[in-house]
Amino acid sequence: MYPVVVTTLCLLSLLVSVTSATAKEVALRMIVVRQIDDAKAIRKQLRQGASFCYLAKTKSIAPSRKQWGLSGVVDLDDVQPQLQAILRKMKPGQISDVTTLDRNYAIIKVLAPQVPQLLETAKQQMNQGQIKTAMQTARQLLKLEKDNVPARMLLGVALSESKDFKESFKVIKQARDDAPTEAQILMLLGAVYTKAAFETEKRAYSKDAIDAFQQAIKLNKRFAPAAHLGLGHVHLNLLKQPKKAIPYLKKAADQTPQLARAHQYLIQAYIETKTYPEAWKHMRYAQSQGFRFPELLAQLHKIKKSSK
């Protein structure tokens, strides 16, 4: 696993976990808004083919928006009568009209109860290194809900781990098409392009990785530290452009001082550009933070000794 691909594994922690369901249960994905006009506009977008997952993540005010609108598995007998009458008429995959929910307005998508459990199973399989099995599980899930963005991201990671990079790019781009403003998908794409560049030595993948990381920063500044590390990593270790890498790595080290890799790469870049005073300065800073880079330190001592 290459360092930048830590993004891909971190992204898996964003996927929702739920318990298994019984025959009387259904899974629900919901979009909740305050204004009826907003709800009607969203329902129109859904009729036109927009991703329910994406609109739930970006438009809903409910806590479930953090899980792409997934509210988990519910027993129909336990649902309030107003919603129960609606849900009992719906089949998995169907989307309700706008309905009142307390003082808000909701749009509900009924899912097969296996949907959340399959996602949890695929996550566990990935964590246990069962890559092919995880791919099969993710594909099974996508047959039940084709716009399940977390499942597409997981499948993209699994394909990358199996070195099927072209298919991985395709799947992650499908997730991006469903959720065009989600920076985490671009971070994942950048990480997979980086991994592919190392594995295949194709220079074009490095440029694709740079483009993906830069787009992620534009969409969401929260991802800037990881994106800067990715950009620095690509320029330093793939394109062999340490001078271009330094500004990105400085930002990454400043923004994420707890991340050893950012300091390691920055010191490496200073050495490769023969900026030895800065290399020593940052080495001392890294040591003060508890980091130890014996190979880089040995390089610096060797350079210092040969310059005398």
C-alpha atoms as a PDB file:
ATOM      1  CA  MET A   1       0.000   0.000   0.000  1.00  0.00           C
ATOM      2  CA  TYR A   2       1.500   3.303  -1.036  1.00  0.00           C
ATOM      3  CA  PRO A   3       1.381   6.144   1.512  1.00  0.00           C
ATOM      4  CA  VAL A   4      -1.074   8.328  -0.377  1.00  0.00           C
ATOM      5  CA  VAL A   5      -3.503   5.432  -0.659  1.00  0.00           C
ATOM      6  CA  VAL A   6      -4.137   5.833   3.065  1.00  0.00           C
ATOM      7  CA  THR A   7      -6.902   8.089   1.746  1.00  0.00           C
ATOM      8  CA  THR A   8      -8.686   5.118   0.237  1.00  0.00           C
ATOM      9  CA  LEU A   9      -8.711   3.175   3.471  1.00  0.00           C
ATOM     10  CA  CYS A  10      -9.727   6.209   5.492  1.00  0.00           C
ATOM     11  CA  LEU A  11     -12.607   6.734   3.137  1.00  0.00           C
ATOM     12  CA  LEU A  12     -13.925   3.256   3.971  1.00  0.00           C
ATOM     13  CA  SER A  13     -14.528   4.411   7.547  1.00  0.00           C
ATOM     14  CA  LEU A  14     -17.143   6.831   6.198  1.00  0.00           C
ATOM     15  CA  LEU A  15     -19.366   3.962   5.090  1.00  0.00           C
ATOM     16  CA  VAL A  16     -22.313   3.190   7.371  1.00  0.00           C
ATOM     17  CA  SER A  17     -22.540   0.147   9.635  1.00  0.00           C
ATOM     18  CA  VAL A  18     -25.891  -1.496  10.437  1.00  0.00           C
ATOM     19  CA  THR A  19     -27.103  -4.778  11.851  1.00  0.00           C
ATOM     20  CA  SER A  20     -28.719  -7.563   9.852  1.00  0.00           C
ATOM     21  CA  ALA A  21     -32.422  -7.390   9.047  1.00  0.00           C
ATOM     22  CA  THR A  22     -35.387  -9.719   9.458  1.00  0.00           C
ATOM     23  CA  ALA A  23     -38.104 -10.467   6.908  1.00  0.00           C
ATOM     24  CA  LYS A  24     -40.405  -7.847   8.450  1.00  0.00           C
ATOM     25  CA  GLU A  25     -37.854  -5.096   7.993  1.00  0.00           C
ATOM     26  CA  VAL A  26     -36.878  -2.663   5.260  1.00  0.00           C
ATOM     27  CA  ALA A  27     -33.958  -0.305   4.854  1.00  0.00           C
ATOM     28  CA  LEU A  28     -34.678   3.378   4.355  1.00  0.00           C
ATOM     29  CA  ARG A  29     -32.806   6.210   2.733  1.00  0.00           C
ATOM     30  CA  MET A  30     -34.286   9.645   3.430  1.00  0.00           C
ATOM     31  CA  ILE A  31     -34.006  13.257   2.362  1.00  0.00           C
ATOM     32  CA  VAL A  32     -35.449  15.727   4.875  1.00  0.00           C
ATOM     33  CA  VAL A  33     -35.791  19.474   4.205  1.00  0.00           C
ATOM     34  CA  ARG A  34     -37.575  22.369   5.870  1.00  0.00           C
ATOM     35  CA  GLN A  35     -39.346  23.905   2.875  1.00  0.00           C
ATOM     36  CA  ILE A  36     -41.878  22.149   0.684  1.00  0.00           C
ATOM     37  CA  ASP A  37     -40.613  23.955  -2.425  1.00  0.00           C
ATOM     38  CA  ASP A  38     -37.143  22.525  -1.782  1.00  0.00           C
ATOM     39  CA  ALA A  39     -38.636  19.058  -1.399  1.00  0.00           C
ATOM     40  CA  LYS A  40     -40.558  19.386  -4.669  1.00  0.00           C
ATOM     41  CA  ALA A  41     -37.424  20.555  -6.491  1.00  0.00           C
ATOM     42  CA  ILE A  42     -35.467  17.570  -5.153  1.00  0.00           C
ATOM     43  CA  ARG A  43     -38.234  15.169  -6.132  1.00  0.00           C
ATOM     44  CA  LYS A  44     -38.105  16.585  -9.658  1.00  0.00           C
ATOM     45  CA  GLN A  45     -34.341  15.997  -9.792  1.00  0.00           C
ATOM     46  CA  LEU A  46     -34.866  12.411  -8.680  1.00  0.00           C
ATOM     47  CA  ARG A  47     -37.410  11.856 -11.458  1.00  0.00           C
ATOM     48  CA  GLN A  48     -34.800  13.126 -13.897  1.00  0.00           C
ATOM     49  CA  GLY A  49     -32.317  10.512 -12.717  1.00  0.00           C
ATOM     50  CA  ALA A  50     -30.301  12.275 -10.003  1.00  0.00           C
ATOM     51  CA  SER A  51     -28.669  10.071  -7.378  1.00  0.00           C
ATOM     52  CA  PHE A  52     -30.733   9.725  -4.197  1.00  0.00           C
ATOM     53  CA  CYS A  53     -27.521   9.079  -2.252  1.00  0.00           C
ATOM     54  CA  TYR A  54     -25.973  12.314  -3.477  1.00  0.00           C
ATOM     55  CA  LEU A  55     -29.017  14.507  -2.862  1.00  0.00           C
ATOM     56  CA  ALA A  56     -29.414  13.001   0.610  1.00  0.00           C
ATOM     57  CA  LYS A  57     -25.771  13.828   1.373  1.00  0.00           C
ATOM     58  CA  THR A  58     -25.931  17.386   0.039  1.00  0.00           C
ATOM     59  CA  LYS A  59     -29.534  18.532   0.604  1.00  0.00           C
ATOM     60  CA  SER A  60     -30.913  16.724   3.649  1.00  0.00           C
ATOM     61  CA  ILE A  61     -30.924  18.322   7.098  1.00  0.00           C
ATOM     62  CA  ALA A  62     -31.336  14.983   8.894  1.00  0.00           C
ATOM     63  CA  PRO A  63     -28.388  13.425  10.769  1.00  0.00           C
ATOM     64  CA  SER A  64     -28.537  10.536   8.296  1.00  0.00           C
ATOM     65  CA  ARG A  65     -27.052  12.821   5.628  1.00  0.00           C
ATOM     66  CA  LYS A  66     -23.634  11.791   6.981  1.00  0.00           C
ATOM     67  CA  GLN A  67     -24.469   8.250   5.857  1.00  0.00           C
ATOM     68  CA  TRP A  68     -25.742   9.382   2.444  1.00  0.00           C
ATOM     69  CA  GLY A  69     -29.288   9.465   3.821  1.00  0.00           C
ATOM     70  CA  LEU A  70     -29.262   5.869   5.032  1.00  0.00           C
ATOM     71  CA  SER A  71     -31.437   5.628   8.141  1.00  0.00           C
ATOM     72  CA  GLY A  72     -30.753   1.961   8.672  1.00  0.00           C
ATOM     73  CA  VAL A  73     -33.166  -0.955   8.894  1.00  0.00           C
ATOM     74  CA  VAL A  74     -36.585  -0.504  10.471  1.00  0.00           C
ATOM     75  CA  ASP A  75     -39.433  -2.812  11.398  1.00  0.00           C
ATOM     76  CA  LEU A  76     -42.578  -1.623   9.626  1.00  0.00           C
ATOM     77  CA  ASP A  77     -44.637  -2.360  12.730  1.00  0.00           C
ATOM     78  CA  ASP A  78     -42.552   0.184  14.659  1.00  0.00           C
ATOM     79  CA  VAL A  79     -42.916   3.030  12.159  1.00  0.00           C
ATOM     80  CA  GLN A  80     -45.370   5.832  12.922  1.00  0.00           C
ATOM     81  CA  PRO A  81     -48.757   5.124  11.279  1.00  0.00           C
ATOM     82  CA  GLN A  82     -48.439   8.056   8.854  1.00  0.00           C
ATOM     83  CA  LEU A  83     -45.276   6.608   7.296  1.00  0.00           C
ATOM     84  CA  GLN A  84     -46.276   2.973   7.721  1.00  0.00           C
ATOM     85  CA  ALA A  85     -49.171   3.367   5.287  1.00  0.00           C
ATOM     86  CA  ILE A  86     -46.794   4.812   2.693  1.00  0.00           C
ATOM     87  CA  LEU A  87     -43.993   2.296   3.172  1.00  0.00           C
ATOM     88  CA  ARG A  88     -46.215  -0.776   3.000  1.00  0.00           C
ATOM     89  CA  LYS A  89     -47.246   0.206  -0.523  1.00  0.00           C
ATOM     90  CA  MET A  90     -43.659   0.627  -1.723  1.00  0.00           C
ATOM     91  CA  LYS A  91     -41.262  -1.924  -3.166  1.00  0.00           C
ATOM     92  CA  PRO A  92     -37.461  -1.861  -2.806  1.00  0.00           C
ATOM     93  CA  GLY A  93     -36.020   0.779  -5.089  1.00  0.00           C
ATOM     94  CA  GLN A  94     -39.136   2.922  -5.135  1.00  0.00           C
ATOM     95  CA  ILE A  95     -39.119   6.562  -4.032  1.00  0.00           C
ATOM     96  CA  SER A  96     -42.015   8.238  -2.255  1.00  0.00           C
ATOM     97  CA  ASP A  97     -43.620  11.521  -3.129  1.00  0.00           C
ATOM     98  CA  VAL A  98     -43.011  14.441  -0.782  1.00  0.00           C
ATOM     99  CA  THR A  99     -44.506  13.668   2.626  1.00  0.00           C
ATOM    100  CA  THR A 100     -44.732  15.673   5.824  1.00  0.00           C
ATOM    101  CA  LEU A 101     -42.525  14.544   8.688  1.00  0.00           C
ATOM    102  CA  ASP A 102     -43.078  16.450  11.919  1.00  0.00           C
ATOM    103  CA  ARG A 103     -42.548  20.061  10.801  1.00  0.00           C
ATOM    104  CA  ASN A 104     -40.380  19.106   7.858  1.00  0.00           C
ATOM    105  CA  TYR A 105     -40.802  17.454   4.486  1.00  0.00           C
ATOM    106  CA  ALA A 106     -39.327  14.115   3.525  1.00  0.00           C
ATOM    107  CA  ILE A 107     -38.693  11.972   0.493  1.00  0.00           C
ATOM    108  CA  ILE A 108     -38.129   8.315   1.300  1.00  0.00           C
ATOM    109  CA  LYS A 109     -36.478   5.552  -0.683  1.00  0.00           C
ATOM    110  CA  VAL A 110     -37.242   1.972   0.312  1.00  0.00           C
ATOM    111  CA  LEU A 111     -34.365  -0.481  -0.018  1.00  0.00           C
ATOM    112  CA  ALA A 112     -33.999  -4.207   0.343  1.00  0.00           C
ATOM    113  CA  PRO A 113     -32.945  -4.888   3.931  1.00  0.00           C
ATOM    114  CA  GLN A 114     -29.798  -6.592   2.627  1.00  0.00           C
ATOM    115  CA  VAL A 115     -28.408  -3.286   1.302  1.00  0.00           C
ATOM    116  CA  PRO A 116     -26.814  -1.934   4.491  1.00  0.00           C
ATOM    117  CA  GLN A 117     -25.669  -5.385   5.597  1.00  0.00           C
ATOM    118  CA  LEU A 118     -23.986  -6.076   2.266  1.00  0.00           C
ATOM    119  CA  LEU A 119     -22.042  -2.836   2.597  1.00  0.00           C
ATOM    120  CA  GLU A 120     -20.912  -3.780   6.089  1.00  0.00           C
ATOM    121  CA  THR A 121     -19.944  -7.251   4.868  1.00  0.00           C
ATOM    122  CA  ALA A 122     -17.913  -5.814   1.980  1.00  0.00           C
ATOM    123  CA  LYS A 123     -16.076  -3.514   4.406  1.00  0.00           C
ATOM    124  CA  GLN A 124     -15.197  -6.428   6.661  1.00  0.00           C
ATOM    125  CA  GLN A 125     -14.004  -8.478   3.713  1.00  0.00           C
ATOM    126  CA  MET A 126     -11.764  -5.612   2.585  1.00  0.00           C
ATOM    127  CA  ASN A 127     -10.297  -5.251   6.070  1.00  0.00           C
ATOM    128  CA  GLN A 128      -9.561  -8.989   6.121  1.00  0.00           C
ATOM    129  CA  GLY A 129      -7.842  -8.840   2.746  1.00  0.00           C
ATOM    130  CA  GLN A 130     -10.584 -10.783   0.953  1.00  0.00           C
ATOM    131  CA  ILE A 131     -10.447  -8.492  -2.063  1.00  0.00           C
ATOM    132  CA  LYS A 132     -12.196 -10.663  -4.666  1.00  0.00           C
ATOM    133  CA  THR A 133     -14.973 -11.573  -2.256  1.00  0.00           C
ATOM    134  CA  ALA A 134     -15.434  -7.902  -1.358  1.00  0.00           C
ATOM    135  CA  MET A 135     -15.763  -7.062  -5.050  1.00  0.00           C
ATOM    136  CA  GLN A 136     -18.456  -9.696  -5.472  1.00  0.00           C
ATOM    137  CA  THR A 137     -20.342  -8.371  -2.459  1.00  0.00           C
ATOM    138  CA  ALA A 138     -20.123  -4.769  -3.673  1.00  0.00           C
ATOM    139  CA  ARG A 139     -21.365  -5.755  -7.126  1.00  0.00           C
ATOM    140  CA  GLN A 140     -24.254  -7.669  -5.546  1.00  0.00           C
ATOM    141  CA  LEU A 141     -25.137  -4.544  -3.582  1.00  0.00           C
ATOM    142  CA  LEU A 142     -25.019  -2.334  -6.677  1.00  0.00           C
ATOM    143  CA  LYS A 143     -27.525  -4.628  -8.365  1.00  0.00           C
ATOM    144  CA  LEU A 144     -29.914  -3.786  -5.529  1.00  0.00           C
ATOM    145  CA  GLU A 145     -29.134  -0.057  -5.546  1.00  0.00           C
ATOM    146  CA  LYS A 146     -27.245   1.139  -8.592  1.00  0.00           C
ATOM    147  CA  ASP A 147     -26.540   4.664  -7.289  1.00  0.00           C
ATOM    148  CA  ASN A 148     -25.069   3.517  -3.972  1.00  0.00           C
ATOM    149  CA  VAL A 149     -22.064   5.854  -3.924  1.00  0.00           C
ATOM    150  CA  PRO A 150     -20.270   4.297  -0.916  1.00  0.00           C
ATOM    151  CA  ALA A 151     -20.511   0.873  -2.583  1.00  0.00           C
ATOM    152  CA  ARG A 152     -18.972   2.257  -5.779  1.00  0.00           C
ATOM    153  CA  MET A 153     -16.103   3.787  -3.827  1.00  0.00           C
ATOM    154  CA  LEU A 154     -15.476   0.522  -2.010  1.00  0.00           C
ATOM    155  CA  LEU A 155     -15.573  -1.403  -5.269  1.00  0.00           C
ATOM    156  CA  GLY A 156     -13.111   1.074  -6.760  1.00  0.00           C
ATOM    157  CA  VAL A 157     -10.700   0.467  -3.883  1.00  0.00           C
ATOM    158  CA  ALA A 158     -11.048  -3.301  -4.228  1.00  0.00           C
ATOM    159  CA  LEU A 159     -10.377  -3.166  -7.967  1.00  0.00           C
ATOM    160  CA  SER A 160      -7.322  -1.011  -7.321  1.00  0.00           C
ATOM    161  CA  GLU A 161      -6.009  -3.493  -4.768  1.00  0.00           C
ATOM    162  CA  SER A 162      -6.429  -6.256  -7.342  1.00  0.00           C
ATOM    163  CA  LYS A 163      -4.489  -4.065  -9.839  1.00  0.00           C
ATOM    164  CA  ASP A 164      -7.425  -3.780 -12.231  1.00  0.00           C
ATOM    165  CA  PHE A 165      -6.779  -0.082 -12.539  1.00  0.00           C
ATOM    166  CA  LYS A 166      -8.770   0.685 -15.674  1.00  0.00           C
ATOM    167  CA  GLU A 167     -11.914  -0.824 -14.174  1.00  0.00           C
ATOM    168  CA  SER A 168     -11.174   0.935 -10.882  1.00  0.00           C
ATOM    169  CA  PHE A 169     -10.978   4.308 -12.649  1.00  0.00           C
ATOM    170  CA  LYS A 170     -14.257   3.560 -14.433  1.00  0.00           C
ATOM    171  CA  VAL A 171     -16.112   2.672 -11.229  1.00  0.00           C
ATOM    172  CA  ILE A 172     -14.807   5.648  -9.245  1.00  0.00           C
ATOM    173  CA  LYS A 173     -15.675   8.001 -12.104  1.00  0.00           C
ATOM    174  CA  GLN A 174     -19.202   6.599 -12.035  1.00  0.00           C
ATOM    175  CA  ALA A 175     -19.328   7.503  -8.341  1.00  0.00           C
ATOM    176  CA  ARG A 176     -18.064  10.980  -9.234  1.00  0.00           C
ATOM    177  CA  ASP A 177     -20.775  11.314 -11.898  1.00  0.00           C
ATOM    178  CA  ASP A 178     -23.405  10.416  -9.293  1.00  0.00           C
ATOM    179  CA  ALA A 179     -21.889  12.792  -6.706  1.00  0.00           C
ATOM    180  CA  PRO A 180     -20.048  15.501  -8.669  1.00  0.00           C
ATOM    181  CA  THR A 181     -19.264  17.830  -5.769  1.00  0.00           C
ATOM    182  CA  GLU A 182     -17.951  15.207  -3.335  1.00  0.00           C
ATOM    183  CA  ALA A 183     -14.254  15.918  -2.851  1.00  0.00           C
ATOM    184  CA  GLN A 184     -13.648  12.584  -1.119  1.00  0.00           C
ATOM    185  CA  ILE A 185     -14.321  10.790  -4.419  1.00  0.00           C
ATOM    186  CA  LEU A 186     -11.690  12.914  -6.175  1.00  0.00           C
ATOM    187  CA  MET A 187      -9.247  12.191  -3.356  1.00  0.00           C
ATOM    188  CA  LEU A 188      -9.909   8.495  -3.865  1.00  0.00           C
ATOM    189  CA  LEU A 189      -9.419   8.863  -7.601  1.00  0.00           C
ATOM    190  CA  GLY A 190      -6.138  10.710  -7.049  1.00  0.00           C
ATOM    191  CA  ALA A 191      -4.939   8.000  -4.680  1.00  0.00           C
ATOM    192  CA  VAL A 192      -5.757   5.235  -7.160  1.00  0.00           C
ATOM    193  CA  TYR A 193      -4.064   7.113 -10.023  1.00  0.00           C
ATOM    194  CA  THR A 194      -0.993   7.458  -7.789  1.00  0.00           C
ATOM    195  CA  LYS A 195      -0.971   3.747  -6.993  1.00  0.00           C
ATOM    196  CA  ALA A 196      -1.436   2.909 -10.675  1.00  0.00           C
ATOM    197  CA  ALA A 197       1.451   5.182 -11.632  1.00  0.00           C
ATOM    198  CA  PHE A 198       3.778   3.318  -9.246  1.00  0.00           C
ATOM    199  CA  GLU A 199       2.573  -0.089 -10.400  1.00  0.00           C
ATOM    200  CA  THR A 200       2.606   0.576 -14.159  1.00  0.00           C
ATOM    201  CA  GLU A 201       5.174   3.391 -14.490  1.00  0.00           C
ATOM    202  CA  LYS A 202       2.779   5.256 -16.786  1.00  0.00           C
ATOM    203  CA  ARG A 203       3.568   8.968 -16.548  1.00  0.00           C
ATOM    204  CA  ALA A 204       0.059   9.933 -17.679  1.00  0.00           C
ATOM    205  CA  TYR A 205      -1.389   8.515 -14.462  1.00  0.00           C
ATOM    206  CA  SER A 206       0.764  10.939 -12.466  1.00  0.00           C
ATOM    207  CA  LYS A 207      -0.782  13.867 -14.317  1.00  0.00           C
ATOM    208  CA  ASP A 208      -4.256  12.428 -13.745  1.00  0.00           C
ATOM    209  CA  ALA A 209      -3.489  12.138 -10.022  1.00  0.00           C
ATOM    210  CA  ILE A 210      -2.383  15.773  -9.886  1.00  0.00           C
ATOM    211  CA  ASP A 211      -5.572  16.884 -11.614  1.00  0.00           C
ATOM    212  CA  ALA A 212      -7.757  14.887  -9.213  1.00  0.00           C
ATOM    213  CA  PHE A 213      -6.017  16.257  -6.090  1.00  0.00           C
ATOM    214  CA  GLN A 214      -6.244  19.831  -7.367  1.00  0.00           C
ATOM    215  CA  GLN A 215      -9.945  19.439  -8.118  1.00  0.00           C
ATOM    216  CA  ALA A 216     -10.522  18.052  -4.620  1.00  0.00           C
ATOM    217  CA  ILE A 217      -8.970  21.155  -3.058  1.00  0.00           C
ATOM    218  CA  LYS A 218     -11.224  23.402  -5.130  1.00  0.00           C
ATOM    219  CA  LEU A 219     -14.310  21.499  -4.036  1.00  0.00           C
ATOM    220  CA  ASN A 220     -13.538  21.247  -0.327  1.00  0.00           C
ATOM    221  CA  LYS A 221     -10.665  22.926   1.534  1.00  0.00           C
ATOM    222  CA  ARG A 222     -11.012  20.340   4.293  1.00  0.00           C
ATOM    223  CA  PHE A 223      -9.182  17.883   2.059  1.00  0.00           C
ATOM    224  CA  ALA A 224      -6.326  20.308   1.320  1.00  0.00           C
ATOM    225  CA  PRO A 225      -3.765  18.760   3.729  1.00  0.00           C
ATOM    226  CA  ALA A 226      -4.162  15.257   2.285  1.00  0.00           C
ATOM    227  CA  ALA A 227      -4.292  16.629  -1.260  1.00  0.00           C
ATOM    228  CA  HIS A 228      -1.110  18.652  -0.714  1.00  0.00           C
ATOM    229  CA  LEU A 229       0.629  15.527   0.547  1.00  0.00           C
ATOM    230  CA  GLY A 230      -0.602  13.652  -2.508  1.00  0.00           C
ATOM    231  CA  LEU A 231       0.627  16.383  -4.842  1.00  0.00           C
ATOM    232  CA  GLY A 232       4.010  16.527  -3.140  1.00  0.00           C
ATOM    233  CA  HIS A 233       4.317  12.749  -3.233  1.00  0.00           C
ATOM    234  CA  VAL A 234       3.570  12.616  -6.963  1.00  0.00           C
ATOM    235  CA  HIS A 235       6.024  15.381  -7.851  1.00  0.00           C
ATOM    236  CA  LEU A 236       8.768  14.013  -5.596  1.00  0.00           C
ATOM    237  CA  ASN A 237       8.590  10.264  -6.057  1.00  0.00           C
ATOM    238  CA  LEU A 238       6.879   9.808  -9.408  1.00  0.00           C
ATOM    239  CA  LEU A 239       7.813  12.778 -11.563  1.00  0.00           C
ATOM    240  CA  LYS A 240      11.198  13.310  -9.849  1.00  0.00           C
ATOM    241  CA  GLN A 241      10.520  17.018  -9.453  1.00  0.00           C
ATOM    242  CA  PRO A 242      11.601  17.738  -5.857  1.00  0.00           C
ATOM    243  CA  LYS A 243      11.638  21.496  -6.359  1.00  0.00           C
ATOM    244  CA  LYS A 244       7.963  21.477  -7.376  1.00  0.00           C
ATOM    245  CA  ALA A 245       7.174  19.106  -4.531  1.00  0.00           C
ATOM    246  CA  ILE A 246       8.521  21.353  -1.759  1.00  0.00           C
ATOM    247  CA  PRO A 247       5.685  23.964  -1.629  1.00  0.00           C
ATOM    248  CA  TYR A 248       3.059  21.223  -1.406  1.00  0.00           C
ATOM    249  CA  LEU A 249       4.973  19.269   1.210  1.00  0.00           C
ATOM    250  CA  LYS A 250       5.563  22.371   3.313  1.00  0.00           C
ATOM    251  CA  LYS A 251       1.818  22.984   3.367  1.00  0.00           C
ATOM    252  CA  ALA A 252       1.147  19.350   4.228  1.00  0.00           C
ATOM    253  CA  ALA A 253       3.703  19.400   7.066  1.00  0.00           C
ATOM    254  CA  ASP A 254       2.305  22.675   8.424  1.00  0.00           C
ATOM    255  CA  GLN A 255      -1.317  21.558   8.173  1.00  0.00           C
ATOM    256  CA  THR A 256      -0.794  18.021   9.482  1.00  0.00           C
ATOM    257  CA  PRO A 257       2.232  18.182  11.811  1.00  0.00           C
ATOM    258  CA  GLN A 258       1.268  14.801  13.286  1.00  0.00           C
ATOM    259  CA  LEU A 259       1.780  13.059   9.943  1.00  0.00           C
ATOM    260  CA  ALA A 260       5.270  11.577   9.727  1.00  0.00           C
ATOM    261  CA  ARG A 261       5.126  11.046   5.976  1.00  0.00           C
ATOM    262  CA  ALA A 262       4.766  14.771   5.291  1.00  0.00           C
ATOM    263  CA  HIS A 263       7.968  15.551   7.225  1.00  0.00           C
ATOM    264  CA  GLN A 264       9.834  12.624   5.696  1.00  0.00           C
ATOM    265  CA  TYR A 265       9.021  13.661   2.143  1.00  0.00           C
ATOM    266  CA  LEU A 266       9.824  17.312   2.830  1.00  0.00           C
ATOM    267  CA  ILE A 267      13.284  16.473   4.211  1.00  0.00           C
ATOM    268  CA  GLN A 268      13.843  14.155   1.256  1.00  0.00           C
ATOM    269  CA  ALA A 269      12.900  16.950  -1.152  1.00  0.00           C
ATOM    270  CA  TYR A 270      15.298  19.389   0.560  1.00  0.00           C
ATOM    271  CA  ILE A 271      18.120  16.853   0.257  1.00  0.00           C
ATOM    272  CA  GLU A 272      17.396  16.174  -3.412  1.00  0.00           C
ATOM    273  CA  THR A 273      17.415  19.911  -4.178  1.00  0.00           C
ATOM    274  CA  LYS A 274      20.621  20.287  -2.136  1.00  0.00           C
ATOM    275  CA  THR A 275      18.892  22.712   0.216  1.00  0.00           C
ATOM    276  CA  TYR A 276      20.798  21.243   3.130  1.00  0.00           C
ATOM    277  CA  PRO A 277      20.273  24.007   5.738  1.00  0.00           C
ATOM    278  CA  GLU A 278      16.509  23.630   5.336  1.00  0.00           C
ATOM    279  CA  ALA A 279      16.858  19.852   5.446  1.00  0.00           C
ATOM    280  CA  TRP A 280      18.721  20.057   8.759  1.00  0.00           C
ATOM    281  CA  LYS A 281      16.276  22.604  10.118  1.00  0.00           C
ATOM    282  CA  HIS A 282      13.265  20.460   9.345  1.00  0.00           C
ATOM    283  CA  MET A 283      15.009  17.315  10.542  1.00  0.00           C
ATOM    284  CA  ARG A 284      15.527  18.929  13.956  1.00  0.00           C
ATOM    285  CA  TYR A 285      11.903  20.053  13.996  1.00  0.00           C
ATOM    286  CA  ALA A 286      10.708  16.541  13.114  1.00  0.00           C
ATOM    287  CA  GLN A 287      12.891  15.090  15.875  1.00  0.00           C
ATOM    288  CA  SER A 288      11.406  17.545  18.367  1.00  0.00           C
ATOM    289  CA  GLN A 289       7.990  16.173  17.405  1.00  0.00           C
ATOM    290  CA  GLY A 290       9.126  12.623  18.120  1.00  0.00           C
ATOM    291  CA  PHE A 291       9.820  11.490  14.551  1.00  0.00           C
ATOM    292  CA  ARG A 292      12.938   9.541  13.597  1.00  0.00           C
ATOM    293  CA  PHE A 293      14.156   9.176  10.026  1.00  0.00           C
ATOM    294  CA  PRO A 294      17.488   7.318  10.416  1.00  0.00           C
ATOM    295  CA  GLU A 295      18.168   6.874   6.700  1.00  0.00           C
ATOM    296  CA  LEU A 296      17.633  10.554   5.929  1.00  0.00           C
ATOM    297  CA  LEU A 297      19.684  11.528   8.975  1.00  0.00           C
ATOM    298  CA  ALA A 298      22.515   9.278   7.813  1.00  0.00           C
ATOM    299  CA  GLN A 299      22.378  10.959   4.397  1.00  0.00           C
ATOM    300  CA  LEU A 300      22.669  14.383   5.968  1.00  0.00           C
ATOM    301  CA  HIS A 301      25.606  13.341   8.138  1.00  0.00           C
ATOM    302  CA  LYS A 302      27.351  11.857   5.107  1.00  0.00           C
ATOM    303  CA  ILE A 303      26.816  15.059   3.110  1.00  0.00           C
ATOM    304  CA  LYS A 304      28.068  17.166   6.009  1.00  0.00           C
ATOM    305  CA  LYS A 305      31.168  15.028   6.407  1.00  0.00           C
ATOM    306  CA  SER A 306      32.007  15.087   2.676  1.00  0.00           C
ATOM    307  CA  SER A 307      31.672  18.873   2.527  1.00  0.00           C
ATOM    308  CA  LYS A 308      34.434  19.401   5.095  1.00  0.00           C
END
